PDB file of N, CA and C in Angstrom:
ATOM      1  N   MET A   1       0.793  -1.106   0.140  1.00  0.00           N
ATOM      2  CA  MET A   1       0.125  -0.171  -0.001  1.00  0.00           C
ATOM      3  C   MET A   1       0.977   1.284   0.071  1.00  0.00           C
ATOM      4  N   MET A   2       0.420   2.181  -0.628  1.00  0.00           N
ATOM      5  CA  MET A   2       1.032   3.552  -0.634  1.00  0.00           C
ATOM      6  C   MET A   2       0.326   4.564   0.055  1.00  0.00           C
ATOM      7  N   LYS A   3       1.082   5.616   0.637  1.00  0.00           N
ATOM      8  CA  LYS A   3       0.536   6.670   1.365  1.00  0.00           C
ATOM      9  C   LYS A   3      -0.033   7.641   0.432  1.00  0.00           C
ATOM     10  N   ALA A   4      -1.270   8.301   0.407  1.00  0.00           N
ATOM     11  CA  ALA A   4      -1.724   9.135  -0.363  1.00  0.00           C
ATOM     12  C   ALA A   4      -2.079  10.358   0.618  1.00  0.00           C
ATOM     13  N   THR A   5      -1.881  11.712   0.180  1.00  0.00           N
ATOM     14  CA  THR A   5      -1.811  12.936   0.825  1.00  0.00           C
ATOM     15  C   THR A   5      -2.536  13.951  -0.175  1.00  0.00           C
ATOM     16  N   PRO A   6      -3.766  14.200   0.577  1.00  0.00           N
ATOM     17  CA  PRO A   6      -4.409  15.313  -0.243  1.00  0.00           C
ATOM     18  C   PRO A   6      -3.855  16.673   0.413  1.00  0.00           C
ATOM     19  N   LYS A   7      -3.647  17.534  -0.730  1.00  0.00           N
ATOM     20  CA  LYS A   7      -2.897  18.968  -0.412  1.00  0.00           C
ATOM     21  C   LYS A   7      -3.603  19.938  -1.218  1.00  0.00           C
ATOM     22  N   PHE A   8      -3.706  21.246  -0.703  1.00  0.00           N
ATOM     23  CA  PHE A   8      -4.213  22.220  -1.620  1.00  0.00           C
ATOM     24  C   PHE A   8      -3.335  23.038  -2.448  1.00  0.00           C
ATOM     25  N   ASP A   9      -3.508  22.947  -3.612  1.00  0.00           N
ATOM     26  CA  ASP A   9      -2.702  23.599  -4.629  1.00  0.00           C
ATOM     27  C   ASP A   9      -3.040  25.152  -4.807  1.00  0.00           C
ATOM     28  N   LYS A  10      -2.013  25.855  -4.480  1.00  0.00           N
ATOM     29  CA  LYS A  10      -2.245  27.278  -4.462  1.00  0.00           C
ATOM     30  C   LYS A  10      -2.331  27.818  -5.867  1.00  0.00           C
ATOM     31  N   GLU A  11      -1.886  27.242  -6.985  1.00  0.00           N
ATOM     32  CA  GLU A  11      -1.773  27.554  -8.287  1.00  0.00           C
ATOM     33  C   GLU A  11      -2.936  27.285  -8.892  1.00  0.00           C
ATOM     34  N   PHE A  12      -3.522  26.198  -8.697  1.00  0.00           N
ATOM     35  CA  PHE A  12      -4.815  25.688  -9.344  1.00  0.00           C
ATOM     36  C   PHE A  12      -5.972  25.881  -8.389  1.00  0.00           C
ATOM     37  N   LYS A  13      -5.705  26.196  -7.203  1.00  0.00           N
ATOM     38  CA  LYS A  13      -7.023  26.795  -6.133  1.00  0.00           C
ATOM     39  C   LYS A  13      -7.709  25.479  -6.144  1.00  0.00           C
ATOM     40  N   LYS A  14      -7.281  24.258  -6.212  1.00  0.00           N
ATOM     41  CA  LYS A  14      -7.933  23.040  -6.102  1.00  0.00           C
ATOM     42  C   LYS A  14      -7.402  22.002  -5.103  1.00  0.00           C
ATOM     43  N   TRP A  15      -7.896  20.738  -4.674  1.00  0.00           N
ATOM     44  CA  TRP A  15      -7.071  19.775  -3.893  1.00  0.00           C
ATOM     45  C   TRP A  15      -6.467  18.994  -4.911  1.00  0.00           C
ATOM     46  N   VAL A  16      -5.250  18.646  -4.572  1.00  0.00           N
ATOM     47  CA  VAL A  16      -4.654  17.266  -5.517  1.00  0.00           C
ATOM     48  C   VAL A  16      -3.981  16.372  -4.540  1.00  0.00           C
ATOM     49  N   ILE A  17      -3.830  15.138  -4.994  1.00  0.00           N
ATOM     50  CA  ILE A  17      -3.291  14.050  -4.168  1.00  0.00           C
ATOM     51  C   ILE A  17      -1.850  13.680  -4.621  1.00  0.00           C
ATOM     52  N   ASP A  18      -0.876  13.646  -3.605  1.00  0.00           N
ATOM     53  CA  ASP A  18       0.269  13.083  -3.890  1.00  0.00           C
ATOM     54  C   ASP A  18       0.203  11.768  -3.223  1.00  0.00           C
ATOM     55  N   ILE A  19       0.877  10.618  -4.233  1.00  0.00           N
ATOM     56  CA  ILE A  19       1.124   9.449  -3.852  1.00  0.00           C
ATOM     57  C   ILE A  19       2.574   9.106  -3.460  1.00  0.00           C
ATOM     58  N   GLU A  20       2.889   8.551  -2.179  1.00  0.00           N
ATOM     59  CA  GLU A  20       4.348   8.117  -2.137  1.00  0.00           C
ATOM     60  C   GLU A  20       4.394   6.801  -2.437  1.00  0.00           C
ATOM     61  N   THR A  21       5.390   6.478  -3.361  1.00  0.00           N
ATOM     62  CA  THR A  21       5.411   5.069  -3.784  1.00  0.00           C
ATOM     63  C   THR A  21       6.387   4.369  -2.934  1.00  0.00           C
ATOM     64  N   GLU A  22       6.548   3.120  -3.000  1.00  0.00           N
ATOM     65  CA  GLU A  22       7.123   2.365  -2.066  1.00  0.00           C
ATOM     66  C   GLU A  22       8.709   2.641  -2.102  1.00  0.00           C
ATOM     67  N   ASP A  23       9.092   3.235  -3.211  1.00  0.00           N
ATOM     68  CA  ASP A  23      10.479   3.647  -3.393  1.00  0.00           C
ATOM     69  C   ASP A  23      10.656   5.098  -2.978  1.00  0.00           C
ATOM     70  N   GLY A  24       9.725   5.680  -2.057  1.00  0.00           N
ATOM     71  CA  GLY A  24       9.906   6.886  -1.548  1.00  0.00           C
ATOM     72  C   GLY A  24       9.696   8.264  -2.701  1.00  0.00           C
ATOM     73  N   GLU A  25       9.352   7.904  -3.935  1.00  0.00           N
ATOM     74  CA  GLU A  25       9.044   8.950  -4.966  1.00  0.00           C
ATOM     75  C   GLU A  25       7.731   9.265  -4.781  1.00  0.00           C
ATOM     76  N   VAL A  26       7.390  10.871  -4.762  1.00  0.00           N
ATOM     77  CA  VAL A  26       6.174  11.519  -4.715  1.00  0.00           C
ATOM     78  C   VAL A  26       5.721  11.915  -5.999  1.00  0.00           C
ATOM     79  N   ILE A  27       4.444  11.256  -6.490  1.00  0.00           N
ATOM     80  CA  ILE A  27       3.819  11.628  -7.709  1.00  0.00           C
ATOM     81  C   ILE A  27       2.496  11.987  -7.479  1.00  0.00           C
ATOM     82  N   PRO A  28       1.893  12.981  -8.352  1.00  0.00           N
ATOM     83  CA  PRO A  28       0.492  13.362  -8.344  1.00  0.00           C
ATOM     84  C   PRO A  28      -0.382  12.133  -8.721  1.00  0.00           C
ATOM     85  N   VAL A  29      -1.789  12.208  -8.494  1.00  0.00           N
ATOM     86  CA  VAL A  29      -2.790  11.450  -9.171  1.00  0.00           C
ATOM     87  C   VAL A  29      -3.105  12.195 -10.297  1.00  0.00           C
ATOM     88  N   GLY A  30      -3.217  11.490 -11.578  1.00  0.00           N
ATOM     89  CA  GLY A  30      -3.567  12.021 -12.453  1.00  0.00           C
ATOM     90  C   GLY A  30      -3.827  11.082 -13.806  1.00  0.00           C
ATOM     91  N   HIS A  31      -4.058  11.413 -14.932  1.00  0.00           N
ATOM     92  CA  HIS A  31      -4.123  10.566 -16.113  1.00  0.00           C
ATOM     93  C   HIS A  31      -3.551  10.988 -17.235  1.00  0.00           C
ATOM     94  N   THR A  32      -3.328   9.981 -18.126  1.00  0.00           N
ATOM     95  CA  THR A  32      -2.563  10.273 -19.342  1.00  0.00           C
ATOM     96  C   THR A  32      -3.443  10.959 -20.384  1.00  0.00           C
ATOM     97  N   ILE A  33      -3.236  12.027 -21.005  1.00  0.00           N
ATOM     98  CA  ILE A  33      -3.926  12.668 -22.074  1.00  0.00           C
ATOM     99  C   ILE A  33      -3.301  12.128 -23.484  1.00  0.00           C
ATOM    100  N   GLU A  34      -2.027  12.233 -23.587  1.00  0.00           N
ATOM    101  CA  GLU A  34      -1.714  11.803 -24.972  1.00  0.00           C
ATOM    102  C   GLU A  34      -0.399  10.848 -24.799  1.00  0.00           C
ATOM    103  N   GLU A  35      -0.396   9.535 -24.779  1.00  0.00           N
ATOM    104  CA  GLU A  35       0.704   8.797 -24.450  1.00  0.00           C
ATOM    105  C   GLU A  35       1.916   9.041 -25.340  1.00  0.00           C
ATOM    106  N   SER A  36       1.575   9.022 -26.741  1.00  0.00           N
ATOM    107  CA  SER A  36       2.764   9.272 -27.557  1.00  0.00           C
ATOM    108  C   SER A  36       3.602  10.468 -27.202  1.00  0.00           C
ATOM    109  N   ILE A  37       3.262  11.460 -26.497  1.00  0.00           N
ATOM    110  CA  ILE A  37       4.066  12.396 -26.268  1.00  0.00           C
ATOM    111  C   ILE A  37       4.285  12.813 -24.835  1.00  0.00           C
ATOM    112  N   GLY A  38       3.610  11.844 -23.872  1.00  0.00           N
ATOM    113  CA  GLY A  38       3.977  11.822 -22.541  1.00  0.00           C
ATOM    114  C   GLY A  38       3.085  13.034 -21.853  1.00  0.00           C
ATOM    115  N   LEU A  39       1.849  13.250 -22.439  1.00  0.00           N
ATOM    116  CA  LEU A  39       1.149  14.488 -21.787  1.00  0.00           C
ATOM    117  C   LEU A  39       0.207  13.758 -20.745  1.00  0.00           C
ATOM    118  N   PHE A  40       0.435  14.444 -19.509  1.00  0.00           N
ATOM    119  CA  PHE A  40      -0.370  13.929 -18.330  1.00  0.00           C
ATOM    120  C   PHE A  40      -0.892  15.169 -17.471  1.00  0.00           C
ATOM    121  N   GLU A  41      -2.364  14.871 -17.197  1.00  0.00           N
ATOM    122  CA  GLU A  41      -3.169  15.695 -16.374  1.00  0.00           C
ATOM    123  C   GLU A  41      -3.195  15.518 -15.077  1.00  0.00           C
ATOM    124  N   ILE A  42      -2.923  16.473 -14.276  1.00  0.00           N
ATOM    125  CA  ILE A  42      -2.988  16.110 -12.719  1.00  0.00           C
ATOM    126  C   ILE A  42      -4.455  16.101 -12.513  1.00  0.00           C
ATOM    127  N   SER A  43      -4.950  15.432 -11.533  1.00  0.00           N
ATOM    128  CA  SER A  43      -6.324  15.326 -11.352  1.00  0.00           C
ATOM    129  C   SER A  43      -6.641  16.285 -10.113  1.00  0.00           C
ATOM    130  N   LYS A  44      -7.556  17.024 -10.172  1.00  0.00           N
ATOM    131  CA  LYS A  44      -8.144  18.063  -8.999  1.00  0.00           C
ATOM    132  C   LYS A  44      -9.377  17.651  -8.676  1.00  0.00           C
ATOM    133  N   TRP A  45      -9.580  18.257  -7.223  1.00  0.00           N
ATOM    134  CA  TRP A  45     -10.740  18.002  -6.515  1.00  0.00           C
ATOM    135  C   TRP A  45     -11.261  19.364  -5.897  1.00  0.00           C
ATOM    136  N   ASP A  46     -12.299  19.704  -5.686  1.00  0.00           N
ATOM    137  CA  ASP A  46     -13.031  21.143  -5.054  1.00  0.00           C
ATOM    138  C   ASP A  46     -12.721  21.353  -3.996  1.00  0.00           C
ATOM    139  N   THR A  47     -12.980  19.915  -2.838  1.00  0.00           N
ATOM    140  CA  THR A  47     -12.665  19.880  -1.718  1.00  0.00           C
ATOM    141  C   THR A  47     -11.958  19.022  -0.925  1.00  0.00           C
ATOM    142  N   LYS A  48     -11.322  19.274   0.178  1.00  0.00           N
ATOM    143  CA  LYS A  48     -10.440  18.125   0.786  1.00  0.00           C
ATOM    144  C   LYS A  48     -11.166  16.687   1.043  1.00  0.00           C
ATOM    145  N   GLU A  49     -12.530  16.821   1.402  1.00  0.00           N
ATOM    146  CA  GLU A  49     -13.324  15.544   1.589  1.00  0.00           C
ATOM    147  C   GLU A  49     -13.488  14.855   0.290  1.00  0.00           C
ATOM    148  N   GLN A  50     -13.737  15.490  -0.925  1.00  0.00           N
ATOM    149  CA  GLN A  50     -13.649  14.862  -2.135  1.00  0.00           C
ATOM    150  C   GLN A  50     -12.313  14.174  -2.587  1.00  0.00           C
ATOM    151  N   ALA A  51     -11.395  14.684  -2.226  1.00  0.00           N
ATOM    152  CA  ALA A  51      -9.941  13.930  -2.243  1.00  0.00           C
ATOM    153  C   ALA A  51      -9.839  12.877  -1.527  1.00  0.00           C
ATOM    154  N   GLU A  52     -10.301  13.049  -0.022  1.00  0.00           N
ATOM    155  CA  GLU A  52     -10.256  11.733   0.630  1.00  0.00           C
ATOM    156  C   GLU A  52     -11.178  10.648   0.484  1.00  0.00           C
ATOM    157  N   LYS A  53     -12.311  11.185  -0.219  1.00  0.00           N
ATOM    158  CA  LYS A  53     -13.321   9.955  -0.573  1.00  0.00           C
ATOM    159  C   LYS A  53     -12.647   9.194  -1.607  1.00  0.00           C
ATOM    160  N   TRP A  54     -11.890   9.695  -2.677  1.00  0.00           N
ATOM    161  CA  TRP A  54     -11.406   9.210  -3.784  1.00  0.00           C
ATOM    162  C   TRP A  54     -10.211   8.120  -3.259  1.00  0.00           C
ATOM    163  N   ILE A  55      -9.312   8.634  -2.032  1.00  0.00           N
ATOM    164  CA  ILE A  55      -8.533   7.876  -1.562  1.00  0.00           C
ATOM    165  C   ILE A  55      -9.116   6.538  -0.841  1.00  0.00           C
ATOM    166  N   LYS A  56     -10.157   6.773   0.085  1.00  0.00           N
ATOM    167  CA  LYS A  56     -10.812   5.746   0.908  1.00  0.00           C
ATOM    168  C   LYS A  56     -11.616   4.992   0.008  1.00  0.00           C
ATOM    169  N   ALA A  57     -11.895   5.277  -1.608  1.00  0.00           N
ATOM    170  CA  ALA A  57     -12.490   4.264  -2.326  1.00  0.00           C
ATOM    171  C   ALA A  57     -11.639   3.152  -2.695  1.00  0.00           C
ATOM    172  N   ARG A  58     -10.298   3.391  -2.548  1.00  0.00           N
ATOM    173  CA  ARG A  58      -9.477   2.553  -3.076  1.00  0.00           C
ATOM    174  C   ARG A  58      -8.418   1.899  -1.753  1.00  0.00           C
ATOM    175  N   PRO A  59      -9.196   1.326  -1.027  1.00  0.00           N
ATOM    176  CA  PRO A  59      -8.248   0.908   0.564  1.00  0.00           C
ATOM    177  C   PRO A  59      -7.215  -0.070   0.147  1.00  0.00           C
ATOM    178  N   GLU A  60      -7.401  -1.052  -0.835  1.00  0.00           N
ATOM    179  CA  GLU A  60      -6.493  -2.073  -1.116  1.00  0.00           C
ATOM    180  C   GLU A  60      -5.024  -1.463  -1.906  1.00  0.00           C
ATOM    181  N   LYS A  61      -5.304  -0.242  -2.092  1.00  0.00           N
ATOM    182  CA  LYS A  61      -4.035   0.446  -2.875  1.00  0.00           C
ATOM    183  C   LYS A  61      -3.448   1.668  -2.099  1.00  0.00           C
ATOM    184  N   PHE A  62      -4.193   2.424  -1.266  1.00  0.00           N
ATOM    185  CA  PHE A  62      -3.875   3.706  -0.750  1.00  0.00           C
ATOM    186  C   PHE A  62      -4.364   3.894   0.708  1.00  0.00           C
ATOM    187  N   TYR A  63      -3.572   4.726   1.534  1.00  0.00           N
ATOM    188  CA  TYR A  63      -3.912   5.010   2.703  1.00  0.00           C
ATOM    189  C   TYR A  63      -3.611   6.461   3.145  1.00  0.00           C
ATOM    190  N   ILE A  64      -4.456   7.129   3.873  1.00  0.00           N
ATOM    191  CA  ILE A  64      -4.049   8.453   4.346  1.00  0.00           C
ATOM    192  C   ILE A  64      -3.250   8.535   5.300  1.00  0.00           C
TER     193      ILE A  64
END
């Protein structure tokens, strides 16, 4: 399992989730828009509660 941390991003003015991998690398939650050029979009939530709900919906993968 990996640690997931919701945090408020001042630039986006939204909540984002950082995932700490088992190797200690911190990566944001997001999705690939265009794989051929490596374009990636960070997922954003309006509230901390929404971000926590996303994490809690995946208890086999993440914990807060």
